[in-house]
Amino acid sequence: MPPKDAKEGQGKLEPEVTALADMIDYQTGSVVSREIMKGKTGTVTLFAFDKGQGLSEHTAPFDALVYLVDGKAEITISKKTHSLAAGEMIVMPADQPHALGAVERFKMLLVMIRS
């Protein structure tokens, strides 16, 4: 059973073992997200991208860590493209332009640190 989402001010998550890949499903032609944790110092969000989907170039004011749970993605940071496969991660530094694209459908965990 997937853990209950933890919203700011609602307390702690219950400790239970959960497979990340099973917490979100792919949807044809879409990008799906599920917030796992949210707090004053950061967020943890799970995403599922269908093949060919992505996020256009943008910046964020905080450092972020992307961990690929499933599939393959290309992540471009400051005009340099990085190919990632399941089990790999990359850090996206604050204020650097970045974009994501699904080489094949993929699931990723995004950990945003606000500091």
Protein backbone atom coordinates (compact mmCIF):
# COMPACT_ATOMS: atom_id res chain seq x y z
CA MET A 1 0.00 0.00 0.00
CA PRO A 2 1.50 3.40 -0.98
CA PRO A 3 2.24 5.83 1.86
CA LYS A 4 -0.16 8.65 2.51
CA ASP A 5 0.95 12.00 1.08
CA ALA A 6 2.38 14.30 3.75
CA LYS A 7 1.29 17.91 3.43
CA GLU A 8 2.88 20.73 5.36
CA GLY A 9 1.42 20.87 8.85
CA GLN A 10 -0.26 17.44 8.66
CA GLY A 11 2.36 15.47 10.55
CA LYS A 12 4.74 12.71 9.57
CA LEU A 13 4.59 9.93 7.03
CA GLU A 14 3.94 6.48 8.38
CA PRO A 15 7.03 4.26 8.07
CA GLU A 16 6.33 1.58 5.49
CA VAL A 17 8.25 -0.01 2.65
CA THR A 18 7.04 1.15 -0.75
CA ALA A 19 8.28 0.59 -4.32
CA LEU A 20 8.64 4.05 -5.93
CA ALA A 21 7.81 2.75 -9.40
CA ASP A 22 4.44 1.47 -8.15
CA MET A 23 3.39 4.82 -6.64
CA ILE A 24 2.57 6.44 -10.01
CA ASP A 25 1.28 5.20 -13.36
CA TYR A 26 2.09 6.31 -16.89
CA GLN A 27 -0.62 8.07 -18.89
CA THR A 28 -0.49 8.13 -22.69
CA GLY A 29 0.74 11.47 -24.04
CA SER A 30 1.07 12.99 -20.58
CA VAL A 31 3.29 13.97 -17.70
CA VAL A 32 1.89 12.87 -14.34
CA SER A 33 3.13 13.98 -10.91
CA ARG A 34 2.51 12.96 -7.32
CA GLU A 35 3.78 14.96 -4.36
CA ILE A 36 5.23 12.58 -1.77
CA MET A 37 6.43 15.10 0.83
CA LYS A 38 6.20 18.86 1.24
CA GLY A 39 7.82 20.98 3.91
CA LYS A 40 9.32 24.36 4.56
CA THR A 41 12.78 23.16 3.50
CA GLY A 42 11.85 21.22 0.39
CA THR A 43 9.67 18.83 -1.57
CA VAL A 44 9.83 15.29 -2.91
CA THR A 45 7.76 14.66 -6.04
CA LEU A 46 7.40 11.57 -8.22
CA PHE A 47 6.85 12.07 -11.98
CA ALA A 48 5.90 9.77 -14.87
CA PHE A 49 6.65 11.01 -18.42
CA ASP A 50 5.29 9.23 -21.48
CA LYS A 51 7.70 8.81 -24.41
CA GLY A 52 8.17 12.11 -26.25
CA GLN A 53 6.96 14.21 -23.34
CA GLY A 54 9.12 16.62 -21.38
CA LEU A 55 9.51 19.94 -19.64
CA SER A 56 10.76 22.93 -21.61
CA GLU A 57 13.77 24.90 -20.45
CA HIS A 58 13.24 26.77 -17.20
CA THR A 59 15.10 27.72 -14.03
CA ALA A 60 14.39 27.08 -10.36
CA PRO A 61 15.66 29.12 -7.42
CA PHE A 62 16.74 25.99 -5.51
CA ASP A 63 19.04 23.01 -6.02
CA ALA A 64 17.29 19.83 -7.11
CA LEU A 65 18.22 16.17 -7.36
CA VAL A 66 16.67 13.96 -10.04
CA TYR A 67 16.74 10.16 -9.59
CA LEU A 68 15.47 8.00 -12.46
CA VAL A 69 13.28 5.20 -11.16
CA ASP A 70 12.42 3.71 -14.56
CA GLY A 71 13.16 4.27 -18.25
CA LYS A 72 15.50 6.69 -20.03
CA ALA A 73 15.65 10.49 -20.13
CA GLU A 74 17.73 13.33 -21.45
CA ILE A 75 18.27 16.22 -19.06
CA THR A 76 19.86 19.39 -20.37
CA ILE A 77 21.49 21.70 -17.84
CA SER A 78 23.03 24.96 -19.03
CA LYS A 79 23.01 23.70 -22.65
CA LYS A 80 24.83 20.42 -21.80
CA THR A 81 22.76 17.26 -22.37
CA HIS A 82 23.02 14.29 -19.99
CA SER A 83 21.56 10.84 -20.74
CA LEU A 84 20.16 9.04 -17.71
CA ALA A 85 18.81 5.53 -17.24
CA ALA A 86 16.98 3.87 -14.37
CA GLY A 87 19.07 3.88 -11.21
CA GLU A 88 21.03 7.02 -12.14
CA MET A 89 20.78 10.54 -10.74
CA ILE A 90 21.90 14.08 -11.45
CA VAL A 91 21.93 17.35 -9.53
CA MET A 92 20.40 20.41 -11.15
CA PRO A 93 21.98 23.49 -9.54
CA ALA A 94 19.83 26.48 -8.59
CA ASP A 95 19.34 29.20 -11.20
CA GLN A 96 20.81 27.13 -14.08
CA PRO A 97 18.46 26.59 -17.04
CA HIS A 98 17.38 22.99 -17.46
CA ALA A 99 14.97 20.89 -19.53
CA LEU A 100 13.87 17.25 -19.49
CA GLY A 101 12.84 14.93 -22.30
CA ALA A 102 11.65 11.32 -22.44
CA VAL A 103 13.84 9.22 -24.75
CA GLU A 104 11.48 6.45 -23.69
CA ARG A 105 8.87 6.72 -21.01
CA PHE A 106 10.43 7.29 -17.61
CA LYS A 107 9.67 7.85 -13.94
CA MET A 108 11.75 10.16 -11.79
CA LEU A 109 11.94 11.31 -8.22
CA LEU A 110 12.58 15.05 -7.86
CA VAL A 111 13.99 16.24 -4.55
CA MET A 112 13.95 20.05 -4.29
CA ILE A 113 15.97 21.59 -1.45
CA ARG A 114 15.01 25.12 -0.42
CA SER A 115 18.00 26.79 1.16
